[in-house]
Amino acid sequence: MKRRILVSLLLALSILFLVACSNNSLDGEYYWINDARNQHMATIKGDKGYVESEGGYSIKIDSELKIIESKFGSEKYSYKDGKLTTNFTGVESDFYKKGSKACEEALKKYGYKEVGKE
């Protein structure tokens, strides 16, 4: 009986650990935040998204190869802790996931109170 409880407890802890580690999902709203702008740039859900630049366009995300595909071609991306670095605008830039620590730090760094508000 003790062994069964121990195995169940270890299984539950393993599942919690895996869920916590996999929380590096790209799903969310991304903002382009720097000294010149604080604007919504993209929304990603699963392997698809929409970029609000160049008149707006759809994107497809290949998370294994870390590539974002659009009508303009394919661009590599990196993502860590709420900061997505890629080329949505003709120049590689950082885009911040709404609600992430990276987004809050960028807002503070550039003097904004909230996302999307100048």
PDB file of N, CA and C in Angstrom:
ATOM      1  N   MET A   1       0.813  -1.192   0.000  1.00  0.00           N
ATOM      2  CA  MET A   1       0.000   0.000   0.000  1.00  0.00           C
ATOM      3  C   MET A   1       0.864   1.266   0.000  1.00  0.00           C
ATOM      4  N   LYS A   2       1.914   1.284   0.842  1.00  0.00           N
ATOM      5  CA  LYS A   2       2.809   2.443   0.880  1.00  0.00           C
ATOM      6  C   LYS A   2       3.495   2.643  -0.466  1.00  0.00           C
ATOM      7  N   ARG A   3       3.863   1.538  -1.073  1.00  0.00           N
ATOM      8  CA  ARG A   3       4.543   1.619  -2.369  1.00  0.00           C
ATOM      9  C   ARG A   3       3.618   2.227  -3.423  1.00  0.00           C
ATOM     10  N   ARG A   4       2.372   1.843  -3.423  1.00  0.00           N
ATOM     11  CA  ARG A   4       1.399   2.362  -4.385  1.00  0.00           C
ATOM     12  C   ARG A   4       1.220   3.877  -4.186  1.00  0.00           C
ATOM     13  N   ILE A   5       1.148   4.319  -2.957  1.00  0.00           N
ATOM     14  CA  ILE A   5       1.017   5.753  -2.662  1.00  0.00           C
ATOM     15  C   ILE A   5       2.269   6.495  -3.112  1.00  0.00           C
ATOM     16  N   LEU A   6       3.436   5.925  -2.848  1.00  0.00           N
ATOM     17  CA  LEU A   6       4.693   6.552  -3.252  1.00  0.00           C
ATOM     18  C   LEU A   6       4.794   6.667  -4.773  1.00  0.00           C
ATOM     19  N   VAL A   7       4.429   5.608  -5.484  1.00  0.00           N
ATOM     20  CA  VAL A   7       4.457   5.627  -6.950  1.00  0.00           C
ATOM     21  C   VAL A   7       3.481   6.678  -7.477  1.00  0.00           C
ATOM     22  N   SER A   8       2.292   6.741  -6.901  1.00  0.00           N
ATOM     23  CA  SER A   8       1.295   7.738  -7.323  1.00  0.00           C
ATOM     24  C   SER A   8       1.801   9.153  -7.078  1.00  0.00           C
ATOM     25  N   LEU A   9       2.426   9.369  -5.948  1.00  0.00           N
ATOM     26  CA  LEU A   9       2.972  10.688  -5.621  1.00  0.00           C
ATOM     27  C   LEU A   9       4.090  11.075  -6.585  1.00  0.00           C
ATOM     28  N   LEU A  10       4.991  10.143  -6.881  1.00  0.00           N
ATOM     29  CA  LEU A  10       6.072  10.423  -7.828  1.00  0.00           C
ATOM     30  C   LEU A  10       5.530  10.706  -9.228  1.00  0.00           C
ATOM     31  N   LEU A  11       4.511   9.983  -9.640  1.00  0.00           N
ATOM     32  CA  LEU A  11       3.891  10.212 -10.944  1.00  0.00           C
ATOM     33  C   LEU A  11       3.270  11.607 -11.000  1.00  0.00           C
ATOM     34  N   ALA A  12       2.566  11.986  -9.957  1.00  0.00           N
ATOM     35  CA  ALA A  12       1.939  13.313  -9.910  1.00  0.00           C
ATOM     36  C   ALA A  12       2.996  14.416  -9.952  1.00  0.00           C
ATOM     37  N   LEU A  13       4.072  14.258  -9.215  1.00  0.00           N
ATOM     38  CA  LEU A  13       5.150  15.254  -9.221  1.00  0.00           C
ATOM     39  C   LEU A  13       5.825  15.334 -10.585  1.00  0.00           C
ATOM     40  N   SER A  14       5.995  14.188 -11.233  1.00  0.00           N
ATOM     41  CA  SER A  14       6.592  14.173 -12.576  1.00  0.00           C
ATOM     42  C   SER A  14       5.716  14.923 -13.569  1.00  0.00           C
ATOM     43  N   ILE A  15       4.419  14.714 -13.495  1.00  0.00           N
ATOM     44  CA  ILE A  15       3.491  15.409 -14.394  1.00  0.00           C
ATOM     45  C   ILE A  15       3.545  16.912 -14.144  1.00  0.00           C
ATOM     46  N   LEU A  16       3.538  17.330 -12.895  1.00  0.00           N
ATOM     47  CA  LEU A  16       3.635  18.762 -12.575  1.00  0.00           C
ATOM     48  C   LEU A  16       4.928  19.362 -13.115  1.00  0.00           C
ATOM     49  N   PHE A  17       6.021  18.642 -12.976  1.00  0.00           N
ATOM     50  CA  PHE A  17       7.313  19.119 -13.477  1.00  0.00           C
ATOM     51  C   PHE A  17       7.285  19.282 -14.994  1.00  0.00           C
ATOM     52  N   LEU A  18       6.734  18.295 -15.697  1.00  0.00           N
ATOM     53  CA  LEU A  18       6.664  18.369 -17.158  1.00  0.00           C
ATOM     54  C   LEU A  18       5.774  19.515 -17.620  1.00  0.00           C
ATOM     55  N   VAL A  19       4.663  19.729 -16.961  1.00  0.00           N
ATOM     56  CA  VAL A  19       3.772  20.834 -17.320  1.00  0.00           C
ATOM     57  C   VAL A  19       4.470  22.163 -17.075  1.00  0.00           C
ATOM     58  N   ALA A  20       5.158  22.296 -15.968  1.00  0.00           N
ATOM     59  CA  ALA A  20       5.866  23.545 -15.664  1.00  0.00           C
ATOM     60  C   ALA A  20       6.967  23.817 -16.678  1.00  0.00           C
ATOM     61  N   CYS A  21       7.675  22.800 -17.100  1.00  0.00           N
ATOM     62  CA  CYS A  21       8.766  22.978 -18.060  1.00  0.00           C
ATOM     63  C   CYS A  21       8.253  23.268 -19.464  1.00  0.00           C
ATOM     64  N   SER A  22       7.063  22.791 -19.793  1.00  0.00           N
ATOM     65  CA  SER A  22       6.540  22.992 -21.141  1.00  0.00           C
ATOM     66  C   SER A  22       5.778  24.302 -21.273  1.00  0.00           C
ATOM     67  N   ASN A  23       5.805  25.145 -20.262  1.00  0.00           N
ATOM     68  CA  ASN A  23       5.065  26.398 -20.277  1.00  0.00           C
ATOM     69  C   ASN A  23       5.760  27.461 -21.114  1.00  0.00           C
ATOM     70  N   ASN A  24       6.687  27.093 -21.948  1.00  0.00           N
ATOM     71  CA  ASN A  24       7.375  28.034 -22.824  1.00  0.00           C
ATOM     72  C   ASN A  24       6.641  28.098 -24.165  1.00  0.00           C
ATOM     73  N   SER A  25       5.317  28.068 -24.100  1.00  0.00           N
ATOM     74  CA  SER A  25       4.464  28.101 -25.286  1.00  0.00           C
ATOM     75  C   SER A  25       4.507  29.481 -25.932  1.00  0.00           C
ATOM     76  N   LEU A  26       4.425  29.514 -27.252  1.00  0.00           N
ATOM     77  CA  LEU A  26       4.382  30.785 -27.978  1.00  0.00           C
ATOM     78  C   LEU A  26       2.992  31.409 -27.957  1.00  0.00           C
ATOM     79  N   ASP A  27       1.969  30.673 -27.553  1.00  0.00           N
ATOM     80  CA  ASP A  27       0.604  31.190 -27.574  1.00  0.00           C
ATOM     81  C   ASP A  27       0.494  32.507 -26.814  1.00  0.00           C
ATOM     82  N   GLY A  28      -0.096  33.513 -27.468  1.00  0.00           N
ATOM     83  CA  GLY A  28      -0.321  34.783 -26.796  1.00  0.00           C
ATOM     84  C   GLY A  28      -0.270  35.967 -27.735  1.00  0.00           C
ATOM     85  N   GLU A  29      -0.386  37.150 -27.144  1.00  0.00           N
ATOM     86  CA  GLU A  29      -0.303  38.411 -27.875  1.00  0.00           C
ATOM     87  C   GLU A  29       1.092  38.986 -27.688  1.00  0.00           C
ATOM     88  N   TYR A  30       1.679  39.475 -28.777  1.00  0.00           N
ATOM     89  CA  TYR A  30       3.034  40.013 -28.738  1.00  0.00           C
ATOM     90  C   TYR A  30       3.031  41.498 -29.070  1.00  0.00           C
ATOM     91  N   TYR A  31       3.849  42.237 -28.328  1.00  0.00           N
ATOM     92  CA  TYR A  31       3.952  43.682 -28.494  1.00  0.00           C
ATOM     93  C   TYR A  31       5.379  44.060 -28.848  1.00  0.00           C
ATOM     94  N   TRP A  32       5.487  45.030 -29.730  1.00  0.00           N
ATOM     95  CA  TRP A  32       6.778  45.595 -30.129  1.00  0.00           C
ATOM     96  C   TRP A  32       6.989  46.792 -29.227  1.00  0.00           C
ATOM     97  N   ILE A  33       7.885  46.657 -28.288  1.00  0.00           N
ATOM     98  CA  ILE A  33       8.107  47.689 -27.278  1.00  0.00           C
ATOM     99  C   ILE A  33       9.555  48.148 -27.349  1.00  0.00           C
ATOM    100  N   ASN A  34       9.730  49.431 -27.608  1.00  0.00           N
ATOM    101  CA  ASN A  34      11.060  50.043 -27.558  1.00  0.00           C
ATOM    102  C   ASN A  34      10.890  51.535 -27.316  1.00  0.00           C
ATOM    103  N   ASP A  35      11.950  52.312 -27.467  1.00  0.00           N
ATOM    104  CA  ASP A  35      11.843  53.743 -27.172  1.00  0.00           C
ATOM    105  C   ASP A  35      10.948  54.490 -28.154  1.00  0.00           C
ATOM    106  N   ALA A  36      10.643  53.908 -29.302  1.00  0.00           N
ATOM    107  CA  ALA A  36       9.832  54.579 -30.319  1.00  0.00           C
ATOM    108  C   ALA A  36       8.400  54.051 -30.408  1.00  0.00           C
ATOM    109  N   ARG A  37       8.113  52.891 -29.815  1.00  0.00           N
ATOM    110  CA  ARG A  37       6.772  52.315 -29.991  1.00  0.00           C
ATOM    111  C   ARG A  37       6.406  51.351 -28.872  1.00  0.00           C
ATOM    112  N   ASN A  38       5.106  51.176 -28.733  1.00  0.00           N
ATOM    113  CA  ASN A  38       4.515  50.222 -27.802  1.00  0.00           C
ATOM    114  C   ASN A  38       3.233  49.746 -28.474  1.00  0.00           C
ATOM    115  N   GLN A  39       3.376  48.834 -29.438  1.00  0.00           N
ATOM    116  CA  GLN A  39       2.216  48.458 -30.240  1.00  0.00           C
ATOM    117  C   GLN A  39       2.065  46.951 -30.377  1.00  0.00           C
ATOM    118  N   HIS A  40       0.795  46.551 -30.512  1.00  0.00           N
ATOM    119  CA  HIS A  40       0.490  45.138 -30.735  1.00  0.00           C
ATOM    120  C   HIS A  40       1.056  44.740 -32.092  1.00  0.00           C
ATOM    121  N   MET A  41       1.775  43.633 -32.140  1.00  0.00           N
ATOM    122  CA  MET A  41       2.404  43.220 -33.387  1.00  0.00           C
ATOM    123  C   MET A  41       1.865  41.891 -33.898  1.00  0.00           C
ATOM    124  N   ALA A  42       1.617  40.931 -33.007  1.00  0.00           N
ATOM    125  CA  ALA A  42       1.214  39.605 -33.482  1.00  0.00           C
ATOM    126  C   ALA A  42       0.418  38.862 -32.419  1.00  0.00           C
ATOM    127  N   THR A  43      -0.386  37.923 -32.893  1.00  0.00           N
ATOM    128  CA  THR A  43      -1.101  36.998 -32.022  1.00  0.00           C
ATOM    129  C   THR A  43      -0.794  35.591 -32.526  1.00  0.00           C
ATOM    130  N   ILE A  44      -0.403  34.716 -31.598  1.00  0.00           N
ATOM    131  CA  ILE A  44      -0.049  33.339 -31.956  1.00  0.00           C
ATOM    132  C   ILE A  44      -0.894  32.377 -31.135  1.00  0.00           C
ATOM    133  N   LYS A  45      -1.420  31.363 -31.804  1.00  0.00           N
ATOM    134  CA  LYS A  45      -2.147  30.293 -31.129  1.00  0.00           C
ATOM    135  C   LYS A  45      -1.796  28.986 -31.831  1.00  0.00           C
ATOM    136  N   GLY A  46      -1.158  28.111 -31.079  1.00  0.00           N
ATOM    137  CA  GLY A  46      -0.739  26.832 -31.665  1.00  0.00           C
ATOM    138  C   GLY A  46       0.343  27.062 -32.700  1.00  0.00           C
ATOM    139  N   ASP A  47       0.138  26.515 -33.894  1.00  0.00           N
ATOM    140  CA  ASP A  47       1.152  26.675 -34.944  1.00  0.00           C
ATOM    141  C   ASP A  47       0.756  27.739 -35.969  1.00  0.00           C
ATOM    142  N   LYS A  48      -0.210  28.591 -35.611  1.00  0.00           N
ATOM    143  CA  LYS A  48      -0.657  29.646 -36.523  1.00  0.00           C
ATOM    144  C   LYS A  48      -0.670  30.988 -35.806  1.00  0.00           C
ATOM    145  N   GLY A  49      -0.646  32.042 -36.606  1.00  0.00           N
ATOM    146  CA  GLY A  49      -0.710  33.367 -36.021  1.00  0.00           C
ATOM    147  C   GLY A  49      -1.046  34.417 -37.050  1.00  0.00           C
ATOM    148  N   TYR A  50      -1.117  35.650 -36.579  1.00  0.00           N
ATOM    149  CA  TYR A  50      -1.423  36.781 -37.445  1.00  0.00           C
ATOM    150  C   TYR A  50      -0.548  37.950 -37.025  1.00  0.00           C
ATOM    151  N   VAL A  51       0.112  38.572 -38.009  1.00  0.00           N
ATOM    152  CA  VAL A  51       0.990  39.717 -37.759  1.00  0.00           C
ATOM    153  C   VAL A  51       0.298  40.973 -38.260  1.00  0.00           C
ATOM    154  N   GLU A  52       0.302  42.023 -37.447  1.00  0.00           N
ATOM    155  CA  GLU A  52      -0.359  43.279 -37.791  1.00  0.00           C
ATOM    156  C   GLU A  52       0.651  44.276 -38.333  1.00  0.00           C
ATOM    157  N   SER A  53       1.283  43.918 -39.424  1.00  0.00           N
ATOM    158  CA  SER A  53       2.271  44.774 -40.082  1.00  0.00           C
ATOM    159  C   SER A  53       2.138  44.536 -41.577  1.00  0.00           C
ATOM    160  N   GLU A  54       2.565  45.481 -42.370  1.00  0.00           N
ATOM    161  CA  GLU A  54       2.496  45.321 -43.829  1.00  0.00           C
ATOM    162  C   GLU A  54       1.070  44.994 -44.285  1.00  0.00           C
ATOM    163  N   GLY A  55       0.071  45.601 -43.646  1.00  0.00           N
ATOM    164  CA  GLY A  55      -1.313  45.337 -44.004  1.00  0.00           C
ATOM    165  C   GLY A  55      -1.902  44.114 -43.335  1.00  0.00           C
ATOM    166  N   GLY A  56      -1.117  43.406 -42.564  1.00  0.00           N
ATOM    167  CA  GLY A  56      -1.563  42.216 -41.855  1.00  0.00           C
ATOM    168  C   GLY A  56      -1.380  40.960 -42.692  1.00  0.00           C
ATOM    169  N   TYR A  57      -0.902  39.906 -42.057  1.00  0.00           N
ATOM    170  CA  TYR A  57      -0.711  38.643 -42.766  1.00  0.00           C
ATOM    171  C   TYR A  57      -0.654  37.475 -41.788  1.00  0.00           C
ATOM    172  N   SER A  58      -0.979  36.310 -42.301  1.00  0.00           N
ATOM    173  CA  SER A  58      -0.966  35.086 -41.500  1.00  0.00           C
ATOM    174  C   SER A  58       0.438  34.497 -41.457  1.00  0.00           C
ATOM    175  N   ILE A  59       0.729  33.794 -40.367  1.00  0.00           N
ATOM    176  CA  ILE A  59       2.014  33.110 -40.227  1.00  0.00           C
ATOM    177  C   ILE A  59       1.763  31.676 -39.770  1.00  0.00           C
ATOM    178  N   LYS A  60       2.755  30.843 -40.019  1.00  0.00           N
ATOM    179  CA  LYS A  60       2.744  29.463 -39.551  1.00  0.00           C
ATOM    180  C   LYS A  60       4.042  29.236 -38.796  1.00  0.00           C
ATOM    181  N   ILE A  61       3.947  28.600 -37.638  1.00  0.00           N
ATOM    182  CA  ILE A  61       5.117  28.399 -36.785  1.00  0.00           C
ATOM    183  C   ILE A  61       5.538  26.937 -36.815  1.00  0.00           C
ATOM    184  N   ASP A  62       6.814  26.702 -37.106  1.00  0.00           N
ATOM    185  CA  ASP A  62       7.404  25.367 -37.004  1.00  0.00           C
ATOM    186  C   ASP A  62       8.278  25.388 -35.755  1.00  0.00           C
ATOM    187  N   SER A  63       7.722  24.896 -34.644  1.00  0.00           N
ATOM    188  CA  SER A  63       8.437  24.991 -33.372  1.00  0.00           C
ATOM    189  C   SER A  63       9.629  24.041 -33.284  1.00  0.00           C
ATOM    190  N   GLU A  64       9.639  22.983 -34.086  1.00  0.00           N
ATOM    191  CA  GLU A  64      10.797  22.082 -34.086  1.00  0.00           C
ATOM    192  C   GLU A  64      12.002  22.748 -34.732  1.00  0.00           C
ATOM    193  N   LEU A  65      11.785  23.377 -35.885  1.00  0.00           N
ATOM    194  CA  LEU A  65      12.878  24.041 -36.608  1.00  0.00           C
ATOM    195  C   LEU A  65      13.071  25.492 -36.171  1.00  0.00           C
ATOM    196  N   LYS A  66      12.140  25.989 -35.337  1.00  0.00           N
ATOM    197  CA  LYS A  66      12.160  27.383 -34.873  1.00  0.00           C
ATOM    198  C   LYS A  66      12.156  28.352 -36.055  1.00  0.00           C
ATOM    199  N   ILE A  67      11.145  28.148 -36.919  1.00  0.00           N
ATOM    200  CA  ILE A  67      10.982  28.978 -38.115  1.00  0.00           C
ATOM    201  C   ILE A  67       9.546  29.497 -38.163  1.00  0.00           C
ATOM    202  N   ILE A  68       9.408  30.764 -38.542  1.00  0.00           N
ATOM    203  CA  ILE A  68       8.102  31.359 -38.795  1.00  0.00           C
ATOM    204  C   ILE A  68       7.993  31.569 -40.297  1.00  0.00           C
ATOM    205  N   GLU A  69       6.933  31.013 -40.887  1.00  0.00           N
ATOM    206  CA  GLU A  69       6.718  31.123 -42.330  1.00  0.00           C
ATOM    207  C   GLU A  69       5.585  32.108 -42.598  1.00  0.00           C
ATOM    208  N   SER A  70       5.777  32.950 -43.628  1.00  0.00           N
ATOM    209  CA  SER A  70       4.745  33.900 -44.037  1.00  0.00           C
ATOM    210  C   SER A  70       4.802  34.067 -45.547  1.00  0.00           C
ATOM    211  N   LYS A  71       3.952  34.946 -46.071  1.00  0.00           N
ATOM    212  CA  LYS A  71       3.969  35.210 -47.511  1.00  0.00           C
ATOM    213  C   LYS A  71       5.280  35.857 -47.941  1.00  0.00           C
ATOM    214  N   PHE A  72       6.060  36.356 -46.982  1.00  0.00           N
ATOM    215  CA  PHE A  72       7.342  36.985 -47.285  1.00  0.00           C
ATOM    216  C   PHE A  72       8.513  36.009 -47.234  1.00  0.00           C
ATOM    217  N   GLY A  73       8.256  34.768 -46.821  1.00  0.00           N
ATOM    218  CA  GLY A  73       9.319  33.777 -46.720  1.00  0.00           C
ATOM    219  C   GLY A  73       9.394  33.191 -45.324  1.00  0.00           C
ATOM    220  N   SER A  74      10.539  32.631 -44.989  1.00  0.00           N
ATOM    221  CA  SER A  74      10.752  31.992 -43.691  1.00  0.00           C
ATOM    222  C   SER A  74      11.805  32.747 -42.903  1.00  0.00           C
ATOM    223  N   GLU A  75      11.551  32.899 -41.613  1.00  0.00           N
ATOM    224  CA  GLU A  75      12.494  33.566 -40.714  1.00  0.00           C
ATOM    225  C   GLU A  75      12.708  32.700 -39.486  1.00  0.00           C
ATOM    226  N   LYS A  76      13.945  32.580 -39.065  1.00  0.00           N
ATOM    227  CA  LYS A  76      14.244  31.884 -37.816  1.00  0.00           C
ATOM    228  C   LYS A  76      13.757  32.751 -36.658  1.00  0.00           C
ATOM    229  N   TYR A  77      13.476  32.103 -35.542  1.00  0.00           N
ATOM    230  CA  TYR A  77      13.109  32.847 -34.343  1.00  0.00           C
ATOM    231  C   TYR A  77      13.747  32.203 -33.128  1.00  0.00           C
ATOM    232  N   SER A  78      13.849  32.988 -32.068  1.00  0.00           N
ATOM    233  CA  SER A  78      14.233  32.444 -30.768  1.00  0.00           C
ATOM    234  C   SER A  78      13.189  32.928 -29.767  1.00  0.00           C
ATOM    235  N   TYR A  79      12.975  32.137 -28.747  1.00  0.00           N
ATOM    236  CA  TYR A  79      11.977  32.486 -27.737  1.00  0.00           C
ATOM    237  C   TYR A  79      12.466  32.045 -26.375  1.00  0.00           C
ATOM    238  N   LYS A  80      12.409  32.975 -25.431  1.00  0.00           N
ATOM    239  CA  LYS A  80      12.776  32.625 -24.065  1.00  0.00           C
ATOM    240  C   LYS A  80      12.042  33.539 -23.099  1.00  0.00           C
ATOM    241  N   ASP A  81      11.331  32.935 -22.184  1.00  0.00           N
ATOM    242  CA  ASP A  81      10.687  33.649 -21.082  1.00  0.00           C
ATOM    243  C   ASP A  81       9.873  34.864 -21.508  1.00  0.00           C
ATOM    244  N   GLY A  82       9.102  34.729 -22.577  1.00  0.00           N
ATOM    245  CA  GLY A  82       8.221  35.818 -22.990  1.00  0.00           C
ATOM    246  C   GLY A  82       8.800  36.775 -24.002  1.00  0.00           C
ATOM    247  N   LYS A  83      10.037  36.553 -24.432  1.00  0.00           N
ATOM    248  CA  LYS A  83      10.654  37.423 -25.442  1.00  0.00           C
ATOM    249  C   LYS A  83      10.879  36.630 -26.723  1.00  0.00           C
ATOM    250  N   LEU A  84      10.197  37.062 -27.786  1.00  0.00           N
ATOM    251  CA  LEU A  84      10.298  36.447 -29.107  1.00  0.00           C
ATOM    252  C   LEU A  84      11.172  37.344 -29.973  1.00  0.00           C
ATOM    253  N   THR A  85      12.240  36.795 -30.511  1.00  0.00           N
ATOM    254  CA  THR A  85      13.134  37.556 -31.380  1.00  0.00           C
ATOM    255  C   THR A  85      13.035  36.980 -32.780  1.00  0.00           C
ATOM    256  N   THR A  86      12.601  37.823 -33.714  1.00  0.00           N
ATOM    257  CA  THR A  86      12.452  37.404 -35.107  1.00  0.00           C
ATOM    258  C   THR A  86      12.339  38.637 -35.993  1.00  0.00           C
ATOM    259  N   ASN A  87      12.085  38.400 -37.283  1.00  0.00           N
ATOM    260  CA  ASN A  87      11.961  39.478 -38.252  1.00  0.00           C
ATOM    261  C   ASN A  87      10.532  39.527 -38.781  1.00  0.00           C
ATOM    262  N   PHE A  88       9.671  40.334 -38.153  1.00  0.00           N
ATOM    263  CA  PHE A  88       8.323  40.578 -38.664  1.00  0.00           C
ATOM    264  C   PHE A  88       8.293  41.830 -39.529  1.00  0.00           C
ATOM    265  N   THR A  89       9.312  42.669 -39.406  1.00  0.00           N
ATOM    266  CA  THR A  89       9.226  44.037 -39.928  1.00  0.00           C
ATOM    267  C   THR A  89      10.326  44.420 -40.904  1.00  0.00           C
ATOM    268  N   GLY A  90      11.121  43.469 -41.340  1.00  0.00           N
ATOM    269  CA  GLY A  90      12.247  43.790 -42.210  1.00  0.00           C
ATOM    270  C   GLY A  90      13.555  43.885 -41.450  1.00  0.00           C
ATOM    271  N   VAL A  91      13.459  43.943 -40.124  1.00  0.00           N
ATOM    272  CA  VAL A  91      14.633  44.016 -39.257  1.00  0.00           C
ATOM    273  C   VAL A  91      14.381  43.095 -38.061  1.00  0.00           C
ATOM    274  N   GLU A  92      15.386  42.329 -37.665  1.00  0.00           N
ATOM    275  CA  GLU A  92      15.215  41.471 -36.497  1.00  0.00           C
ATOM    276  C   GLU A  92      14.977  42.331 -35.263  1.00  0.00           C
ATOM    277  N   SER A  93      13.928  42.016 -34.527  1.00  0.00           N
ATOM    278  CA  SER A  93      13.550  42.789 -33.342  1.00  0.00           C
ATOM    279  C   SER A  93      13.038  41.859 -32.257  1.00  0.00           C
ATOM    280  N   ASP A  94      12.875  42.418 -31.063  1.00  0.00           N
ATOM    281  CA  ASP A  94      12.313  41.688 -29.935  1.00  0.00           C
ATOM    282  C   ASP A  94      10.843  42.054 -29.787  1.00  0.00           C
ATOM    283  N   PHE A  95      10.015  41.043 -29.548  1.00  0.00           N
ATOM    284  CA  PHE A  95       8.588  41.219 -29.339  1.00  0.00           C
ATOM    285  C   PHE A  95       8.250  40.531 -28.022  1.00  0.00           C
ATOM    286  N   TYR A  96       7.418  41.183 -27.212  1.00  0.00           N
ATOM    287  CA  TYR A  96       7.183  40.720 -25.852  1.00  0.00           C
ATOM    288  C   TYR A  96       5.769  40.184 -25.671  1.00  0.00           C
ATOM    289  N   LYS A  97       5.686  39.015 -25.061  1.00  0.00           N
ATOM    290  CA  LYS A  97       4.400  38.371 -24.814  1.00  0.00           C
ATOM    291  C   LYS A  97       3.683  39.094 -23.679  1.00  0.00           C
ATOM    292  N   LYS A  98       2.458  39.510 -23.956  1.00  0.00           N
ATOM    293  CA  LYS A  98       1.651  40.216 -22.965  1.00  0.00           C
ATOM    294  C   LYS A  98       1.535  39.380 -21.692  1.00  0.00           C
ATOM    295  N   GLY A  99       1.784  40.025 -20.553  1.00  0.00           N
ATOM    296  CA  GLY A  99       1.679  39.350 -19.268  1.00  0.00           C
ATOM    297  C   GLY A  99       2.945  38.666 -18.797  1.00  0.00           C
ATOM    298  N   SER A 100       3.971  38.607 -19.634  1.00  0.00           N
ATOM    299  CA  SER A 100       5.222  37.947 -19.234  1.00  0.00           C
ATOM    300  C   SER A 100       6.105  38.905 -18.440  1.00  0.00           C
ATOM    301  N   LYS A 101       7.036  38.341 -17.717  1.00  0.00           N
ATOM    302  CA  LYS A 101       7.995  39.151 -16.963  1.00  0.00           C
ATOM    303  C   LYS A 101       8.834  39.998 -17.921  1.00  0.00           C
ATOM    304  N   ALA A 102       9.211  39.427 -19.064  1.00  0.00           N
ATOM    305  CA  ALA A 102       9.998  40.165 -20.061  1.00  0.00           C
ATOM    306  C   ALA A 102       9.229  41.384 -20.555  1.00  0.00           C
ATOM    307  N   CYS A 103       7.922  41.242 -20.747  1.00  0.00           N
ATOM    308  CA  CYS A 103       7.084  42.356 -21.199  1.00  0.00           C
ATOM    309  C   CYS A 103       7.036  43.442 -20.128  1.00  0.00           C
ATOM    310  N   GLU A 104       6.823  43.050 -18.898  1.00  0.00           N
ATOM    311  CA  GLU A 104       6.780  44.025 -17.802  1.00  0.00           C
ATOM    312  C   GLU A 104       8.105  44.779 -17.687  1.00  0.00           C
ATOM    313  N   GLU A 105       9.215  44.064 -17.853  1.00  0.00           N
ATOM    314  CA  GLU A 105      10.529  44.709 -17.785  1.00  0.00           C
ATOM    315  C   GLU A 105      10.734  45.685 -18.940  1.00  0.00           C
ATOM    316  N   ALA A 106      10.282  45.315 -20.147  1.00  0.00           N
ATOM    317  CA  ALA A 106      10.413  46.203 -21.306  1.00  0.00           C
ATOM    318  C   ALA A 106       9.556  47.454 -21.122  1.00  0.00           C
ATOM    319  N   LEU A 107       8.337  47.289 -20.623  1.00  0.00           N
ATOM    320  CA  LEU A 107       7.470  48.444 -20.371  1.00  0.00           C
ATOM    321  C   LEU A 107       8.142  49.410 -19.406  1.00  0.00           C
ATOM    322  N   LYS A 108       8.687  48.867 -18.346  1.00  0.00           N
ATOM    323  CA  LYS A 108       9.354  49.695 -17.334  1.00  0.00           C
ATOM    324  C   LYS A 108      10.589  50.376 -17.928  1.00  0.00           C
ATOM    325  N   LYS A 109      11.386  49.621 -18.669  1.00  0.00           N
ATOM    326  CA  LYS A 109      12.620  50.154 -19.258  1.00  0.00           C
ATOM    327  C   LYS A 109      12.345  51.354 -20.157  1.00  0.00           C
ATOM    328  N   TYR A 110      11.259  51.272 -20.946  1.00  0.00           N
ATOM    329  CA  TYR A 110      10.972  52.334 -21.909  1.00  0.00           C
ATOM    330  C   TYR A 110       9.927  53.334 -21.408  1.00  0.00           C
ATOM    331  N   GLY A 111       9.515  53.211 -20.151  1.00  0.00           N
ATOM    332  CA  GLY A 111       8.644  54.208 -19.541  1.00  0.00           C
ATOM    333  C   GLY A 111       7.166  54.116 -19.869  1.00  0.00           C
ATOM    334  N   TYR A 112       6.678  52.940 -20.227  1.00  0.00           N
ATOM    335  CA  TYR A 112       5.252  52.757 -20.505  1.00  0.00           C
ATOM    336  C   TYR A 112       4.573  52.124 -19.295  1.00  0.00           C
ATOM    337  N   LYS A 113       3.293  52.444 -19.112  1.00  0.00           N
ATOM    338  CA  LYS A 113       2.551  51.888 -17.983  1.00  0.00           C
ATOM    339  C   LYS A 113       1.880  50.559 -18.315  1.00  0.00           C
ATOM    340  N   GLU A 114       1.430  50.393 -19.577  1.00  0.00           N
ATOM    341  CA  GLU A 114       0.786  49.143 -19.984  1.00  0.00           C
ATOM    342  C   GLU A 114       0.967  48.922 -21.478  1.00  0.00           C
ATOM    343  N   VAL A 115       0.755  47.683 -21.911  1.00  0.00           N
ATOM    344  CA  VAL A 115       0.958  47.354 -23.322  1.00  0.00           C
ATOM    345  C   VAL A 115      -0.050  48.076 -24.203  1.00  0.00           C
ATOM    346  N   GLY A 116       0.439  48.515 -25.352  1.00  0.00           N
ATOM    347  CA  GLY A 116      -0.421  49.146 -26.339  1.00  0.00           C
ATOM    348  C   GLY A 116      -0.792  50.588 -26.068  1.00  0.00           C
ATOM    349  N   LYS A 117      -0.297  51.162 -24.980  1.00  0.00           N
ATOM    350  CA  LYS A 117      -0.631  52.551 -24.627  1.00  0.00           C
ATOM    351  C   LYS A 117       0.639  53.386 -24.621  1.00  0.00           C
ATOM    352  N   GLU A 118       0.612  54.439 -25.420  1.00  0.00           N
ATOM    353  CA  GLU A 118       1.789  55.321 -25.520  1.00  0.00           C
ATOM    354  C   GLU A 118       1.998  56.143 -24.277  1.00  0.00           C
TER     355      GLU A 118
END
